[in-house]
């Protein structure tokens, strides 16, 4: 951490900070993935992770990119005032089907 870092005071500030951090990580991960796939490099270091050009490592990096994109979408939904997930609590049950077997 740099010396000019101040911790976020509100939830909105924290979400904006987290979104910026995730965008930077996503940009680095996508660049590394493209370089690995194109053959420009054979290994890549992302933070504390070291990834090589083997297929399982590419799958792990691809999963990281997908999870990061989903988290950014959730943060942006919260910042824009939309619900994070649309879930339903009520399940319709037909009273005429109670006790019947298929």
Protein backbone atom coordinates (compact mmCIF):
# COMPACT_ATOMS: atom_id res chain seq x y z
CA UNK A 1 0.00 0.00 0.00
CA UNK A 2 1.19 3.47 -0.72
CA UNK A 3 1.37 6.13 1.94
CA UNK A 4 -1.33 8.28 0.33
CA UNK A 5 -3.90 5.47 0.57
CA UNK A 6 -6.90 6.28 2.74
CA UNK A 7 -9.35 3.53 3.57
CA UNK A 8 -12.86 3.96 2.17
CA UNK A 9 -15.29 5.51 4.64
CA UNK A 10 -18.60 4.52 3.08
CA UNK A 11 -19.84 1.38 1.36
CA UNK A 12 -20.10 3.26 -1.93
CA UNK A 13 -16.46 4.38 -1.70
CA UNK A 14 -15.40 0.83 -0.90
CA UNK A 15 -17.36 -0.55 -3.87
CA UNK A 16 -15.82 2.03 -6.20
CA UNK A 17 -12.33 1.18 -4.89
CA UNK A 18 -13.01 -2.55 -5.28
CA UNK A 19 -14.33 -2.04 -8.82
CA UNK A 20 -11.19 -0.11 -9.80
CA UNK A 21 -8.97 -2.80 -8.30
CA UNK A 22 -10.89 -5.57 -10.09
CA UNK A 23 -10.75 -3.73 -13.43
CA UNK A 24 -6.96 -3.50 -13.10
CA UNK A 25 -6.67 -7.20 -12.21
CA UNK A 26 -9.01 -8.11 -15.09
CA UNK A 27 -6.98 -6.07 -17.57
CA UNK A 28 -3.75 -7.76 -16.45
CA UNK A 29 -5.35 -11.22 -16.57
CA UNK A 30 -6.80 -10.75 -20.05
CA UNK A 31 -3.48 -9.45 -21.38
CA UNK A 32 -1.67 -12.42 -19.86
CA UNK A 33 -4.24 -14.87 -21.26
CA UNK A 34 -3.92 -13.39 -24.75
CA UNK A 35 -0.13 -13.54 -24.58
CA UNK A 36 -0.20 -17.15 -23.39
CA UNK A 37 -2.64 -18.24 -26.09
CA UNK A 38 -0.81 -16.41 -28.88
CA UNK A 39 2.49 -18.01 -27.89
CA UNK A 40 4.25 -14.72 -27.18
CA UNK A 41 5.17 -16.00 -23.71
CA UNK A 42 5.19 -19.41 -22.04
CA UNK A 43 4.60 -18.40 -18.42
CA UNK A 44 2.91 -15.49 -16.69
CA UNK A 45 2.87 -14.20 -13.13
CA UNK A 46 -0.28 -12.51 -11.83
CA UNK A 47 0.16 -11.32 -8.28
CA UNK A 48 1.08 -14.38 -6.24
CA UNK A 49 -0.04 -16.81 -8.96
CA UNK A 50 2.27 -18.20 -11.61
CA UNK A 51 0.60 -19.58 -14.72
CA UNK A 52 2.17 -21.52 -17.56
CA UNK A 53 0.87 -22.33 -21.01
CA UNK A 54 -0.54 -25.73 -20.08
CA UNK A 55 -4.27 -26.26 -20.69
CA UNK A 56 -5.31 -26.61 -17.00
CA UNK A 57 -3.55 -23.35 -16.19
CA UNK A 58 -5.37 -21.60 -19.04
CA UNK A 59 -8.65 -22.99 -17.74
CA UNK A 60 -7.88 -21.64 -14.26
CA UNK A 61 -7.02 -18.22 -15.69
CA UNK A 62 -10.19 -18.26 -17.79
CA UNK A 63 -12.25 -19.09 -14.68
CA UNK A 64 -10.55 -16.23 -12.81
CA UNK A 65 -11.46 -13.83 -15.64
CA UNK A 66 -15.09 -15.00 -15.64
CA UNK A 67 -15.41 -14.70 -11.85
CA UNK A 68 -13.85 -11.22 -11.91
CA UNK A 69 -16.24 -10.09 -14.65
CA UNK A 70 -19.21 -11.40 -12.64
CA UNK A 71 -18.04 -9.59 -9.49
CA UNK A 72 -17.59 -6.33 -11.43
CA UNK A 73 -21.12 -6.70 -12.81
CA UNK A 74 -22.49 -7.20 -9.28
CA UNK A 75 -20.64 -4.13 -7.99
CA UNK A 76 -21.87 -1.99 -10.87
CA UNK A 77 -25.43 -3.20 -10.29
CA UNK A 78 -25.19 -2.17 -6.64
CA UNK A 79 -23.70 1.22 -7.52
CA UNK A 80 -26.45 1.86 -10.08
CA UNK A 81 -29.18 0.99 -7.58
CA UNK A 82 -30.37 -2.23 -9.20
CA UNK A 83 -30.82 -5.41 -7.20
CA UNK A 84 -27.83 -7.72 -7.23
CA UNK A 85 -29.80 -10.83 -8.10
CA UNK A 86 -33.39 -11.31 -9.08
CA UNK A 87 -34.65 -14.11 -6.91
CA UNK A 88 -38.13 -15.33 -6.18
CA UNK A 89 -39.38 -16.46 -2.80
CA UNK A 90 -42.72 -17.78 -3.91
CA UNK A 91 -43.24 -20.99 -5.83
CA UNK A 92 -46.59 -21.60 -7.49
CA UNK A 93 -48.14 -24.87 -6.49
CA UNK A 94 -51.26 -26.20 -8.14
CA UNK A 95 -53.66 -27.34 -5.37
CA UNK A 96 -55.10 -30.04 -7.62
CA UNK A 97 -51.68 -31.73 -7.81
CA UNK A 98 -51.23 -32.15 -4.05
CA UNK A 99 -51.08 -35.81 -3.10
CA UNK A 100 -50.92 -37.07 -6.69
CA UNK A 101 -48.14 -39.20 -8.03
CA UNK A 102 -46.83 -38.83 -11.49
